[in-house]
Amino acid sequence: MYELRNKTKYALASSAEIVSPGFFVVYQNEIMRLFDTKSSIESIVAGFGQSFIDYTKKTFAENDVYCSATLGLIKLSEMDNLAATIKASLIGDSINDSKLTVDGIQQFDRPLKLISSSSQQKSRFFDLDHVMEHLLPPSQYTLFNAQMNKTVVWKANTKRFLLGDFSNSQPNYSSYDGFFINRHCGLTTYIKRDAYPALNVAYENSSWFQAIKP
Protein backbone atom coordinates (compact mmCIF):
# COMPACT_ATOMS: atom_id res chain seq x y z
CA MET A 1 0.00 0.00 0.00
CA TYR A 2 2.89 2.36 0.75
CA GLU A 3 4.29 1.84 -2.74
CA LEU A 4 0.92 2.83 -4.23
CA ARG A 5 0.43 5.96 -2.13
CA ASN A 6 1.20 8.37 -4.99
CA LYS A 7 -0.57 6.31 -7.66
CA THR A 8 -4.21 6.22 -6.55
CA LYS A 9 -6.42 7.68 -3.83
CA TYR A 10 -7.87 4.47 -2.39
CA ALA A 11 -7.27 0.73 -2.48
CA LEU A 12 -9.70 -2.05 -1.62
CA ALA A 13 -7.45 -4.86 -0.43
CA SER A 14 -7.54 -8.14 1.44
CA SER A 15 -5.25 -9.00 4.37
CA ALA A 16 -5.68 -12.71 3.62
CA GLU A 17 -5.96 -14.50 0.29
CA ILE A 18 -9.12 -13.91 -1.73
CA VAL A 19 -10.91 -17.24 -2.00
CA SER A 20 -12.11 -18.32 -5.46
CA PRO A 21 -14.33 -17.22 -7.21
CA GLY A 22 -13.61 -13.84 -5.59
CA PHE A 23 -15.70 -10.84 -6.58
CA PHE A 24 -17.21 -12.64 -9.56
CA VAL A 25 -20.18 -13.63 -7.42
CA VAL A 26 -21.20 -10.00 -6.77
CA TYR A 27 -20.27 -8.30 -10.04
CA GLN A 28 -23.66 -8.85 -11.68
CA ASN A 29 -25.57 -7.02 -8.96
CA GLU A 30 -22.92 -4.60 -7.72
CA ILE A 31 -20.75 -3.52 -10.66
CA MET A 32 -22.91 -0.47 -11.43
CA ARG A 33 -22.25 0.81 -7.92
CA LEU A 34 -18.72 1.62 -9.08
CA PHE A 35 -20.07 4.02 -11.73
CA ASP A 36 -21.93 6.16 -9.19
CA THR A 37 -20.81 9.78 -9.71
CA LYS A 38 -22.93 11.33 -6.95
CA SER A 39 -21.64 9.51 -3.87
CA SER A 40 -18.21 9.72 -2.26
CA ILE A 41 -15.48 7.33 -3.35
CA GLU A 42 -15.29 5.96 0.18
CA SER A 43 -18.99 5.11 0.37
CA ILE A 44 -19.02 3.62 -3.14
CA VAL A 45 -16.04 1.31 -2.69
CA ALA A 46 -16.91 0.42 0.89
CA GLY A 47 -20.42 -0.47 -0.28
CA PHE A 48 -19.01 -2.70 -2.98
CA GLY A 49 -16.73 -4.39 -0.49
CA GLN A 50 -19.54 -4.85 2.02
CA SER A 51 -21.66 -6.53 -0.65
CA PHE A 52 -18.94 -9.17 -1.04
CA ILE A 53 -18.68 -9.72 2.72
CA ASP A 54 -22.48 -9.90 3.02
CA TYR A 55 -22.71 -12.41 0.17
CA THR A 56 -20.06 -14.61 1.77
CA LYS A 57 -21.73 -14.59 5.18
CA LYS A 58 -25.21 -15.15 3.71
CA THR A 59 -24.18 -17.96 1.38
CA PHE A 60 -22.02 -19.98 3.76
CA ALA A 61 -22.49 -20.94 7.39
CA GLU A 62 -19.99 -19.46 9.82
CA ASN A 63 -18.32 -22.86 10.29
CA ASP A 64 -18.11 -23.54 6.53
CA VAL A 65 -14.59 -23.41 5.14
CA TYR A 66 -15.78 -21.07 2.38
CA CYS A 67 -17.00 -18.46 4.86
CA SER A 68 -13.62 -16.75 4.55
CA ALA A 69 -13.05 -13.11 3.66
CA THR A 70 -11.15 -10.00 4.73
CA LEU A 71 -11.36 -6.56 3.11
CA GLY A 72 -10.16 -3.09 3.98
CA LEU A 73 -10.44 0.28 2.25
CA ILE A 74 -7.16 2.16 2.56
CA LYS A 75 -6.87 5.92 2.05
CA LEU A 76 -3.44 6.06 0.49
CA SER A 77 -2.86 9.76 1.12
CA GLU A 78 -2.59 8.81 4.82
CA MET A 79 0.16 6.24 4.31
CA ASP A 80 2.96 8.75 4.82
CA ASN A 81 1.32 9.90 8.05
CA LEU A 82 0.98 6.28 9.17
CA ALA A 83 4.66 5.63 8.48
CA ALA A 84 5.68 8.78 10.36
CA THR A 85 3.51 7.82 13.33
CA ILE A 86 5.02 4.34 13.48
CA LYS A 87 8.58 5.69 13.21
CA ALA A 88 7.97 8.14 16.04
CA SER A 89 6.28 5.48 18.16
CA LEU A 90 8.99 2.85 17.81
CA ILE A 91 11.65 5.16 19.30
CA GLY A 92 14.60 3.22 17.91
CA ASP A 93 13.01 -0.23 18.00
CA SER A 94 12.37 -2.39 14.95
CA ILE A 95 9.64 -4.89 14.19
CA ASN A 96 11.23 -8.32 14.57
CA ASP A 97 10.50 -11.62 16.30
CA SER A 98 13.04 -11.00 19.08
CA LYS A 99 10.77 -8.28 20.46
CA LEU A 100 7.43 -9.99 19.89
CA THR A 101 5.70 -13.20 20.93
CA VAL A 102 4.78 -13.84 17.32
CA ASP A 103 2.47 -16.79 18.00
CA GLY A 104 0.20 -14.45 19.95
CA ILE A 105 -0.31 -12.02 17.06
CA GLN A 106 -3.03 -12.33 14.44
CA GLN A 107 -1.65 -13.98 11.31
CA PHE A 108 -3.09 -13.75 7.79
CA ASP A 109 -1.17 -16.38 5.85
CA ARG A 110 -1.07 -20.19 5.79
CA PRO A 111 2.60 -21.25 5.89
CA LEU A 112 1.98 -24.98 6.44
CA LYS A 113 0.15 -25.18 3.11
CA LEU A 114 1.99 -22.56 1.08
CA ILE A 115 5.63 -23.13 2.06
CA SER A 116 7.28 -26.43 1.20
CA SER A 117 10.34 -26.20 3.46
CA SER A 118 9.43 -27.36 6.96
CA SER A 119 12.18 -25.17 8.46
CA GLN A 120 10.50 -22.07 7.04
CA GLN A 121 6.84 -22.84 7.72
CA LYS A 122 6.34 -19.73 9.83
CA SER A 123 3.82 -16.94 9.27
CA ARG A 124 4.97 -13.85 7.44
CA PHE A 125 1.97 -11.52 7.39
CA PHE A 126 0.45 -10.10 10.58
CA ASP A 127 -2.24 -7.61 11.55
CA LEU A 128 -0.45 -4.26 11.76
CA ASP A 129 -2.60 -2.87 14.57
CA HIS A 130 -2.15 -6.02 16.67
CA VAL A 131 1.64 -5.85 16.17
CA MET A 132 1.79 -2.24 17.31
CA GLU A 133 -0.39 -2.95 20.32
CA HIS A 134 2.16 -5.56 21.40
CA LEU A 135 5.08 -3.19 20.86
CA LEU A 136 3.85 0.10 22.25
CA PRO A 137 2.86 1.40 25.66
CA PRO A 138 -0.85 2.36 25.90
CA SER A 139 -0.37 6.11 25.36
CA GLN A 140 1.65 5.66 22.17
CA TYR A 141 -0.63 2.90 20.92
CA THR A 142 -3.61 5.27 21.27
CA LEU A 143 -1.87 7.80 18.99
CA PHE A 144 -1.00 5.10 16.48
CA ASN A 145 -4.54 3.70 16.49
CA ALA A 146 -5.99 7.16 15.83
CA GLN A 147 -3.84 7.43 12.71
CA MET A 148 -4.72 3.87 11.70
CA ASN A 149 -8.41 4.80 11.75
CA LYS A 150 -7.68 7.68 9.37
CA THR A 151 -5.77 5.36 7.05
CA VAL A 152 -8.15 2.39 6.91
CA VAL A 153 -11.53 4.04 6.49
CA TRP A 154 -13.59 0.83 6.27
CA LYS A 155 -12.94 -2.84 7.01
CA ALA A 156 -14.89 -6.07 7.39
CA ASN A 157 -14.18 -9.77 7.81
CA THR A 158 -15.62 -13.17 8.56
CA LYS A 159 -14.83 -14.83 11.89
CA ARG A 160 -12.68 -17.56 10.32
CA PHE A 161 -10.46 -18.07 7.31
CA LEU A 162 -10.40 -21.46 5.55
CA LEU A 163 -11.30 -23.07 8.83
CA GLY A 164 -14.23 -25.50 8.61
CA ASP A 165 -15.55 -27.89 11.24
CA PHE A 166 -15.23 -31.63 11.57
CA SER A 167 -18.47 -33.57 11.93
CA ASN A 168 -18.17 -33.22 15.71
CA SER A 169 -18.25 -29.41 15.35
CA GLN A 170 -14.60 -29.04 16.35
CA PRO A 171 -12.50 -26.61 14.24
CA ASN A 172 -10.54 -28.35 11.48
CA TYR A 173 -7.10 -26.73 11.54
CA SER A 174 -5.25 -29.21 9.38
CA SER A 175 -7.07 -29.37 6.04
CA TYR A 176 -6.21 -25.83 4.91
CA ASP A 177 -4.03 -24.49 7.75
CA GLY A 178 -6.85 -22.06 8.47
CA PHE A 179 -7.23 -19.70 11.40
CA PHE A 180 -9.69 -17.65 13.44
CA ILE A 181 -9.83 -13.92 12.70
CA ASN A 182 -9.82 -12.26 16.09
CA ARG A 183 -8.14 -9.04 14.96
CA HIS A 184 -8.39 -7.28 11.61
CA CYS A 185 -7.36 -3.67 11.04
CA GLY A 186 -7.25 -3.85 7.23
CA LEU A 187 -3.45 -3.74 6.85
CA THR A 188 -0.80 -6.35 7.46
CA THR A 189 2.91 -6.07 8.08
CA TYR A 190 5.90 -8.34 7.76
CA ILE A 191 7.80 -9.20 10.93
CA LYS A 192 11.52 -9.89 10.46
CA ARG A 193 12.20 -13.51 11.41
CA ASP A 194 15.38 -15.59 11.61
CA ALA A 195 13.70 -18.25 9.45
CA TYR A 196 13.55 -15.86 6.47
CA PRO A 197 16.94 -14.19 5.89
CA ALA A 198 16.21 -13.47 2.22
CA LEU A 199 12.82 -11.94 3.01
CA ASN A 200 14.42 -9.86 5.75
CA VAL A 201 16.83 -8.35 3.24
CA ALA A 202 14.03 -7.68 0.74
CA TYR A 203 11.93 -6.07 3.49
CA GLU A 204 14.81 -3.84 4.58
CA ASN A 205 15.16 -2.65 0.98
CA SER A 206 11.50 -1.66 0.71
CA SER A 207 10.47 1.99 0.80
CA TRP A 208 8.12 1.18 3.69
CA PHE A 209 10.96 -0.08 5.88
CA GLN A 210 13.07 2.93 4.95
CA ALA A 211 10.20 5.19 6.04
CA ILE A 212 9.70 3.58 9.47
CA LYS A 213 13.22 2.46 10.38
CA PRO A 214 14.81 4.03 13.45
C-alpha atoms as a PDB file:
ATOM      1  CA  MET A   1       0.000   0.000   0.000  1.00  0.00           C
ATOM      2  CA  TYR A   2       2.889   2.356   0.749  1.00  0.00           C
ATOM      3  CA  GLU A   3       4.289   1.838  -2.744  1.00  0.00           C
ATOM      4  CA  LEU A   4       0.919   2.833  -4.233  1.00  0.00           C
ATOM      5  CA  ARG A   5       0.435   5.958  -2.127  1.00  0.00           C
ATOM      6  CA  ASN A   6       1.197   8.367  -4.987  1.00  0.00           C
ATOM      7  CA  LYS A   7      -0.568   6.311  -7.662  1.00  0.00           C
ATOM      8  CA  THR A   8      -4.206   6.219  -6.549  1.00  0.00           C
ATOM      9  CA  LYS A   9      -6.418   7.681  -3.831  1.00  0.00           C
ATOM     10  CA  TYR A  10      -7.875   4.474  -2.390  1.00  0.00           C
ATOM     11  CA  ALA A  11      -7.269   0.734  -2.485  1.00  0.00           C
ATOM     12  CA  LEU A  12      -9.703  -2.046  -1.620  1.00  0.00           C
ATOM     13  CA  ALA A  13      -7.452  -4.858  -0.429  1.00  0.00           C
ATOM     14  CA  SER A  14      -7.541  -8.139   1.440  1.00  0.00           C
ATOM     15  CA  SER A  15      -5.254  -9.000   4.366  1.00  0.00           C
ATOM     16  CA  ALA A  16      -5.679 -12.712   3.617  1.00  0.00           C
ATOM     17  CA  GLU A  17      -5.960 -14.503   0.286  1.00  0.00           C
ATOM     18  CA  ILE A  18      -9.125 -13.911  -1.730  1.00  0.00           C
ATOM     19  CA  VAL A  19     -10.915 -17.243  -2.000  1.00  0.00           C
ATOM     20  CA  SER A  20     -12.110 -18.318  -5.460  1.00  0.00           C
ATOM     21  CA  PRO A  21     -14.326 -17.216  -7.211  1.00  0.00           C
ATOM     22  CA  GLY A  22     -13.607 -13.843  -5.592  1.00  0.00           C
ATOM     23  CA  PHE A  23     -15.701 -10.835  -6.576  1.00  0.00           C
ATOM     24  CA  PHE A  24     -17.208 -12.640  -9.563  1.00  0.00           C
ATOM     25  CA  VAL A  25     -20.181 -13.626  -7.424  1.00  0.00           C
ATOM     26  CA  VAL A  26     -21.199 -10.003  -6.775  1.00  0.00           C
ATOM     27  CA  TYR A  27     -20.270  -8.299 -10.041  1.00  0.00           C
ATOM     28  CA  GLN A  28     -23.664  -8.845 -11.682  1.00  0.00           C
ATOM     29  CA  ASN A  29     -25.567  -7.020  -8.964  1.00  0.00           C
ATOM     30  CA  GLU A  30     -22.924  -4.600  -7.720  1.00  0.00           C
ATOM     31  CA  ILE A  31     -20.749  -3.523 -10.658  1.00  0.00           C
ATOM     32  CA  MET A  32     -22.914  -0.472 -11.433  1.00  0.00           C
ATOM     33  CA  ARG A  33     -22.254   0.813  -7.925  1.00  0.00           C
ATOM     34  CA  LEU A  34     -18.725   1.618  -9.077  1.00  0.00           C
ATOM     35  CA  PHE A  35     -20.071   4.017 -11.725  1.00  0.00           C
ATOM     36  CA  ASP A  36     -21.925   6.164  -9.186  1.00  0.00           C
ATOM     37  CA  THR A  37     -20.811   9.785  -9.715  1.00  0.00           C
ATOM     38  CA  LYS A  38     -22.926  11.329  -6.949  1.00  0.00           C
ATOM     39  CA  SER A  39     -21.644   9.510  -3.867  1.00  0.00           C
ATOM     40  CA  SER A  40     -18.207   9.723  -2.262  1.00  0.00           C
ATOM     41  CA  ILE A  41     -15.481   7.329  -3.351  1.00  0.00           C
ATOM     42  CA  GLU A  42     -15.287   5.958   0.176  1.00  0.00           C
ATOM     43  CA  SER A  43     -18.987   5.111   0.369  1.00  0.00           C
ATOM     44  CA  ILE A  44     -19.016   3.621  -3.143  1.00  0.00           C
ATOM     45  CA  VAL A  45     -16.037   1.313  -2.691  1.00  0.00           C
ATOM     46  CA  ALA A  46     -16.910   0.415   0.894  1.00  0.00           C
ATOM     47  CA  GLY A  47     -20.424  -0.466  -0.275  1.00  0.00           C
ATOM     48  CA  PHE A  48     -19.010  -2.697  -2.983  1.00  0.00           C
ATOM     49  CA  GLY A  49     -16.731  -4.392  -0.487  1.00  0.00           C
ATOM     50  CA  GLN A  50     -19.538  -4.853   2.017  1.00  0.00           C
ATOM     51  CA  SER A  51     -21.658  -6.532  -0.645  1.00  0.00           C
ATOM     52  CA  PHE A  52     -18.940  -9.167  -1.042  1.00  0.00           C
ATOM     53  CA  ILE A  53     -18.680  -9.719   2.718  1.00  0.00           C
ATOM     54  CA  ASP A  54     -22.483  -9.898   3.015  1.00  0.00           C
ATOM     55  CA  TYR A  55     -22.711 -12.409   0.167  1.00  0.00           C
ATOM     56  CA  THR A  56     -20.058 -14.610   1.771  1.00  0.00           C
ATOM     57  CA  LYS A  57     -21.734 -14.589   5.183  1.00  0.00           C
ATOM     58  CA  LYS A  58     -25.207 -15.155   3.713  1.00  0.00           C
ATOM     59  CA  THR A  59     -24.182 -17.960   1.383  1.00  0.00           C
ATOM     60  CA  PHE A  60     -22.025 -19.975   3.764  1.00  0.00           C
ATOM     61  CA  ALA A  61     -22.489 -20.944   7.389  1.00  0.00           C
ATOM     62  CA  GLU A  62     -19.985 -19.463   9.817  1.00  0.00           C
ATOM     63  CA  ASN A  63     -18.317 -22.860  10.289  1.00  0.00           C
ATOM     64  CA  ASP A  64     -18.113 -23.536   6.532  1.00  0.00           C
ATOM     65  CA  VAL A  65     -14.588 -23.410   5.141  1.00  0.00           C
ATOM     66  CA  TYR A  66     -15.776 -21.068   2.378  1.00  0.00           C
ATOM     67  CA  CYS A  67     -16.998 -18.459   4.859  1.00  0.00           C
ATOM     68  CA  SER A  68     -13.617 -16.753   4.545  1.00  0.00           C
ATOM     69  CA  ALA A  69     -13.053 -13.107   3.656  1.00  0.00           C
ATOM     70  CA  THR A  70     -11.147  -9.996   4.729  1.00  0.00           C
ATOM     71  CA  LEU A  71     -11.364  -6.563   3.111  1.00  0.00           C
ATOM     72  CA  GLY A  72     -10.155  -3.089   3.975  1.00  0.00           C
ATOM     73  CA  LEU A  73     -10.436   0.277   2.249  1.00  0.00           C
ATOM     74  CA  ILE A  74      -7.164   2.163   2.562  1.00  0.00           C
ATOM     75  CA  LYS A  75      -6.873   5.915   2.048  1.00  0.00           C
ATOM     76  CA  LEU A  76      -3.439   6.058   0.489  1.00  0.00           C
ATOM     77  CA  SER A  77      -2.861   9.758   1.119  1.00  0.00           C
ATOM     78  CA  GLU A  78      -2.593   8.812   4.818  1.00  0.00           C
ATOM     79  CA  MET A  79       0.158   6.238   4.314  1.00  0.00           C
ATOM     80  CA  ASP A  80       2.957   8.752   4.818  1.00  0.00           C
ATOM     81  CA  ASN A  81       1.323   9.900   8.053  1.00  0.00           C
ATOM     82  CA  LEU A  82       0.976   6.285   9.166  1.00  0.00           C
ATOM     83  CA  ALA A  83       4.657   5.629   8.482  1.00  0.00           C
ATOM     84  CA  ALA A  84       5.679   8.784  10.357  1.00  0.00           C
ATOM     85  CA  THR A  85       3.508   7.821  13.330  1.00  0.00           C
ATOM     86  CA  ILE A  86       5.017   4.339  13.482  1.00  0.00           C
ATOM     87  CA  LYS A  87       8.577   5.687  13.208  1.00  0.00           C
ATOM     88  CA  ALA A  88       7.969   8.141  16.037  1.00  0.00           C
ATOM     89  CA  SER A  89       6.276   5.484  18.163  1.00  0.00           C
ATOM     90  CA  LEU A  90       8.993   2.849  17.815  1.00  0.00           C
ATOM     91  CA  ILE A  91      11.650   5.165  19.304  1.00  0.00           C
ATOM     92  CA  GLY A  92      14.599   3.224  17.915  1.00  0.00           C
ATOM     93  CA  ASP A  93      13.005  -0.228  17.995  1.00  0.00           C
ATOM     94  CA  SER A  94      12.367  -2.395  14.950  1.00  0.00           C
ATOM     95  CA  ILE A  95       9.645  -4.891  14.188  1.00  0.00           C
ATOM     96  CA  ASN A  96      11.228  -8.324  14.570  1.00  0.00           C
ATOM     97  CA  ASP A  97      10.504 -11.616  16.297  1.00  0.00           C
ATOM     98  CA  SER A  98      13.040 -10.997  19.078  1.00  0.00           C
ATOM     99  CA  LYS A  99      10.770  -8.284  20.464  1.00  0.00           C
ATOM    100  CA  LEU A 100       7.430  -9.990  19.893  1.00  0.00           C
ATOM    101  CA  THR A 101       5.699 -13.196  20.928  1.00  0.00           C
ATOM    102  CA  VAL A 102       4.776 -13.836  17.324  1.00  0.00           C
ATOM    103  CA  ASP A 103       2.473 -16.786  17.998  1.00  0.00           C
ATOM    104  CA  GLY A 104       0.203 -14.448  19.949  1.00  0.00           C
ATOM    105  CA  ILE A 105      -0.309 -12.023  17.057  1.00  0.00           C
ATOM    106  CA  GLN A 106      -3.034 -12.326  14.438  1.00  0.00           C
ATOM    107  CA  GLN A 107      -1.651 -13.978  11.307  1.00  0.00           C
ATOM    108  CA  PHE A 108      -3.087 -13.749   7.793  1.00  0.00           C
ATOM    109  CA  ASP A 109      -1.166 -16.376   5.854  1.00  0.00           C
ATOM    110  CA  ARG A 110      -1.073 -20.189   5.795  1.00  0.00           C
ATOM    111  CA  PRO A 111       2.596 -21.250   5.886  1.00  0.00           C
ATOM    112  CA  LEU A 112       1.984 -24.977   6.438  1.00  0.00           C
ATOM    113  CA  LYS A 113       0.148 -25.176   3.110  1.00  0.00           C
ATOM    114  CA  LEU A 114       1.986 -22.565   1.081  1.00  0.00           C
ATOM    115  CA  ILE A 115       5.633 -23.126   2.064  1.00  0.00           C
ATOM    116  CA  SER A 116       7.280 -26.429   1.198  1.00  0.00           C
ATOM    117  CA  SER A 117      10.343 -26.198   3.459  1.00  0.00           C
ATOM    118  CA  SER A 118       9.428 -27.357   6.958  1.00  0.00           C
ATOM    119  CA  SER A 119      12.175 -25.174   8.458  1.00  0.00           C
ATOM    120  CA  GLN A 120      10.495 -22.068   7.040  1.00  0.00           C
ATOM    121  CA  GLN A 121       6.845 -22.837   7.721  1.00  0.00           C
ATOM    122  CA  LYS A 122       6.337 -19.734   9.829  1.00  0.00           C
ATOM    123  CA  SER A 123       3.817 -16.941   9.269  1.00  0.00           C
ATOM    124  CA  ARG A 124       4.969 -13.851   7.435  1.00  0.00           C
ATOM    125  CA  PHE A 125       1.966 -11.517   7.391  1.00  0.00           C
ATOM    126  CA  PHE A 126       0.445 -10.103  10.579  1.00  0.00           C
ATOM    127  CA  ASP A 127      -2.235  -7.613  11.547  1.00  0.00           C
ATOM    128  CA  LEU A 128      -0.452  -4.260  11.763  1.00  0.00           C
ATOM    129  CA  ASP A 129      -2.604  -2.874  14.571  1.00  0.00           C
ATOM    130  CA  HIS A 130      -2.148  -6.016  16.666  1.00  0.00           C
ATOM    131  CA  VAL A 131       1.640  -5.846  16.173  1.00  0.00           C
ATOM    132  CA  MET A 132       1.794  -2.240  17.308  1.00  0.00           C
ATOM    133  CA  GLU A 133      -0.394  -2.949  20.318  1.00  0.00           C
ATOM    134  CA  HIS A 134       2.164  -5.560  21.403  1.00  0.00           C
ATOM    135  CA  LEU A 135       5.085  -3.195  20.856  1.00  0.00           C
ATOM    136  CA  LEU A 136       3.853   0.105  22.246  1.00  0.00           C
ATOM    137  CA  PRO A 137       2.864   1.403  25.664  1.00  0.00           C
ATOM    138  CA  PRO A 138      -0.848   2.362  25.896  1.00  0.00           C
ATOM    139  CA  SER A 139      -0.374   6.112  25.356  1.00  0.00           C
ATOM    140  CA  GLN A 140       1.650   5.655  22.167  1.00  0.00           C
ATOM    141  CA  TYR A 141      -0.627   2.902  20.921  1.00  0.00           C
ATOM    142  CA  THR A 142      -3.606   5.273  21.273  1.00  0.00           C
ATOM    143  CA  LEU A 143      -1.872   7.795  18.993  1.00  0.00           C
ATOM    144  CA  PHE A 144      -0.999   5.098  16.479  1.00  0.00           C
ATOM    145  CA  ASN A 145      -4.543   3.696  16.494  1.00  0.00           C
ATOM    146  CA  ALA A 146      -5.993   7.157  15.830  1.00  0.00           C
ATOM    147  CA  GLN A 147      -3.839   7.432  12.706  1.00  0.00           C
ATOM    148  CA  MET A 148      -4.720   3.872  11.702  1.00  0.00           C
ATOM    149  CA  ASN A 149      -8.406   4.802  11.752  1.00  0.00           C
ATOM    150  CA  LYS A 150      -7.677   7.675   9.375  1.00  0.00           C
ATOM    151  CA  THR A 151      -5.768   5.364   7.047  1.00  0.00           C
ATOM    152  CA  VAL A 152      -8.148   2.386   6.910  1.00  0.00           C
ATOM    153  CA  VAL A 153     -11.532   4.039   6.489  1.00  0.00           C
ATOM    154  CA  TRP A 154     -13.586   0.828   6.273  1.00  0.00           C
ATOM    155  CA  LYS A 155     -12.942  -2.839   7.013  1.00  0.00           C
ATOM    156  CA  ALA A 156     -14.890  -6.070   7.390  1.00  0.00           C
ATOM    157  CA  ASN A 157     -14.183  -9.768   7.809  1.00  0.00           C
ATOM    158  CA  THR A 158     -15.619 -13.172   8.555  1.00  0.00           C
ATOM    159  CA  LYS A 159     -14.826 -14.828  11.886  1.00  0.00           C
ATOM    160  CA  ARG A 160     -12.675 -17.557  10.322  1.00  0.00           C
ATOM    161  CA  PHE A 161     -10.461 -18.074   7.314  1.00  0.00           C
ATOM    162  CA  LEU A 162     -10.400 -21.458   5.547  1.00  0.00           C
ATOM    163  CA  LEU A 163     -11.304 -23.073   8.826  1.00  0.00           C
ATOM    164  CA  GLY A 164     -14.231 -25.497   8.612  1.00  0.00           C
ATOM    165  CA  ASP A 165     -15.552 -27.889  11.244  1.00  0.00           C
ATOM    166  CA  PHE A 166     -15.232 -31.630  11.571  1.00  0.00           C
ATOM    167  CA  SER A 167     -18.471 -33.567  11.931  1.00  0.00           C
ATOM    168  CA  ASN A 168     -18.173 -33.221  15.708  1.00  0.00           C
ATOM    169  CA  SER A 169     -18.246 -29.414  15.349  1.00  0.00           C
ATOM    170  CA  GLN A 170     -14.598 -29.042  16.349  1.00  0.00           C
ATOM    171  CA  PRO A 171     -12.503 -26.611  14.243  1.00  0.00           C
ATOM    172  CA  ASN A 172     -10.539 -28.347  11.478  1.00  0.00           C
ATOM    173  CA  TYR A 173      -7.105 -26.726  11.543  1.00  0.00           C
ATOM    174  CA  SER A 174      -5.253 -29.207   9.376  1.00  0.00           C
ATOM    175  CA  SER A 175      -7.074 -29.370   6.039  1.00  0.00           C
ATOM    176  CA  TYR A 176      -6.215 -25.832   4.909  1.00  0.00           C
ATOM    177  CA  ASP A 177      -4.031 -24.491   7.746  1.00  0.00           C
ATOM    178  CA  GLY A 178      -6.848 -22.065   8.472  1.00  0.00           C
ATOM    179  CA  PHE A 179      -7.235 -19.697  11.400  1.00  0.00           C
ATOM    180  CA  PHE A 180      -9.688 -17.654  13.442  1.00  0.00           C
ATOM    181  CA  ILE A 181      -9.825 -13.923  12.702  1.00  0.00           C
ATOM    182  CA  ASN A 182      -9.817 -12.258  16.091  1.00  0.00           C
ATOM    183  CA  ARG A 183      -8.137  -9.037  14.961  1.00  0.00           C
ATOM    184  CA  HIS A 184      -8.388  -7.282  11.609  1.00  0.00           C
ATOM    185  CA  CYS A 185      -7.355  -3.667  11.040  1.00  0.00           C
ATOM    186  CA  GLY A 186      -7.249  -3.852   7.235  1.00  0.00           C
ATOM    187  CA  LEU A 187      -3.452  -3.736   6.854  1.00  0.00           C
ATOM    188  CA  THR A 188      -0.802  -6.354   7.465  1.00  0.00           C
ATOM    189  CA  THR A 189       2.910  -6.068   8.085  1.00  0.00           C
ATOM    190  CA  TYR A 190       5.904  -8.336   7.755  1.00  0.00           C
ATOM    191  CA  ILE A 191       7.800  -9.196  10.929  1.00  0.00           C
ATOM    192  CA  LYS A 192      11.516  -9.893  10.464  1.00  0.00           C
ATOM    193  CA  ARG A 193      12.203 -13.508  11.415  1.00  0.00           C
ATOM    194  CA  ASP A 194      15.378 -15.587  11.613  1.00  0.00           C
ATOM    195  CA  ALA A 195      13.696 -18.247   9.450  1.00  0.00           C
ATOM    196  CA  TYR A 196      13.546 -15.859   6.469  1.00  0.00           C
ATOM    197  CA  PRO A 197      16.937 -14.188   5.893  1.00  0.00           C
ATOM    198  CA  ALA A 198      16.206 -13.470   2.219  1.00  0.00           C
ATOM    199  CA  LEU A 199      12.823 -11.939   3.010  1.00  0.00           C
ATOM    200  CA  ASN A 200      14.419  -9.858   5.754  1.00  0.00           C
ATOM    201  CA  VAL A 201      16.825  -8.353   3.236  1.00  0.00           C
ATOM    202  CA  ALA A 202      14.032  -7.676   0.742  1.00  0.00           C
ATOM    203  CA  TYR A 203      11.933  -6.074   3.487  1.00  0.00           C
ATOM    204  CA  GLU A 204      14.815  -3.842   4.581  1.00  0.00           C
ATOM    205  CA  ASN A 205      15.163  -2.650   0.977  1.00  0.00           C
ATOM    206  CA  SER A 206      11.497  -1.662   0.707  1.00  0.00           C
ATOM    207  CA  SER A 207      10.466   1.991   0.801  1.00  0.00           C
ATOM    208  CA  TRP A 208       8.121   1.182   3.693  1.00  0.00           C
ATOM    209  CA  PHE A 209      10.959  -0.083   5.878  1.00  0.00           C
ATOM    210  CA  GLN A 210      13.069   2.934   4.953  1.00  0.00           C
ATOM    211  CA  ALA A 211      10.195   5.191   6.037  1.00  0.00           C
ATOM    212  CA  ILE A 212       9.705   3.579   9.469  1.00  0.00           C
ATOM    213  CA  LYS A 213      13.219   2.462  10.384  1.00  0.00           C
ATOM    214  CA  PRO A 214      14.806   4.030  13.454  1.00  0.00           C
END
